[in-house]
């Protein structure tokens, strides 16, 4: 599923963020909970464009 591909890509980009780690094959709920607070997405954005999101 695309969710698994997205989770794998996110893990490669940022690894573990705080205590948040996406499972290798997350359920839809696990995927949504992992992204809900924005930490993972902010870290991905900073990898792609350093300094885009202040820490």
Protein backbone atom coordinates (compact mmCIF):
# COMPACT_ATOMS: atom_id res chain seq x y z
CA UNK A 1 0.00 0.00 0.00
CA UNK A 2 1.09 3.58 -0.55
CA UNK A 3 0.90 4.18 3.19
CA UNK A 4 3.71 1.64 3.69
CA UNK A 5 5.83 3.32 1.01
CA UNK A 6 5.23 6.74 2.57
CA UNK A 7 6.11 5.45 6.04
CA UNK A 8 9.33 3.92 4.71
CA UNK A 9 10.30 7.16 2.97
CA UNK A 10 9.56 9.24 6.08
CA UNK A 11 11.65 6.89 8.24
CA UNK A 12 14.57 7.18 5.80
CA UNK A 13 14.30 10.96 5.81
CA UNK A 14 14.04 11.61 9.56
CA UNK A 15 14.36 8.33 11.46
CA UNK A 16 12.75 8.56 14.88
CA UNK A 17 11.44 11.98 15.90
CA UNK A 18 11.12 12.33 19.65
CA UNK A 19 9.32 9.20 20.74
CA UNK A 20 7.43 8.96 17.47
CA UNK A 21 8.39 6.13 15.18
CA UNK A 22 6.22 4.91 12.36
CA UNK A 23 5.88 1.13 12.13
CA UNK A 24 7.25 -0.49 8.95
CA UNK A 25 3.70 -1.32 7.84
CA UNK A 26 1.44 1.05 9.79
CA UNK A 27 -2.30 0.77 9.94
CA UNK A 28 -4.17 3.83 8.73
CA UNK A 29 -4.70 4.89 12.35
CA UNK A 30 -1.00 4.44 13.26
CA UNK A 31 0.02 6.46 10.20
CA UNK A 32 -2.37 9.30 11.04
CA UNK A 33 -1.35 9.36 14.71
CA UNK A 34 2.33 9.46 13.73
CA UNK A 35 1.77 12.53 11.57
CA UNK A 36 -0.88 14.32 13.60
CA UNK A 37 1.34 16.59 15.71
CA UNK A 38 3.44 17.73 12.74
CA UNK A 39 6.88 16.88 14.18
CA UNK A 40 7.69 14.33 11.52
CA UNK A 41 6.52 16.57 8.68
CA UNK A 42 8.45 19.57 10.03
CA UNK A 43 11.60 17.46 10.27
CA UNK A 44 11.15 16.23 6.69
CA UNK A 45 10.71 19.81 5.51
CA UNK A 46 13.89 20.85 7.31
CA UNK A 47 15.78 17.97 5.65
CA UNK A 48 14.60 19.09 2.21
CA UNK A 49 15.00 22.82 2.92
CA UNK A 50 17.20 23.43 5.99
CA UNK A 51 15.89 26.16 8.28
CA UNK A 52 12.41 26.17 6.74
CA UNK A 53 10.77 25.42 10.09
CA UNK A 54 12.29 27.01 13.21
CA UNK A 55 12.99 24.56 16.03
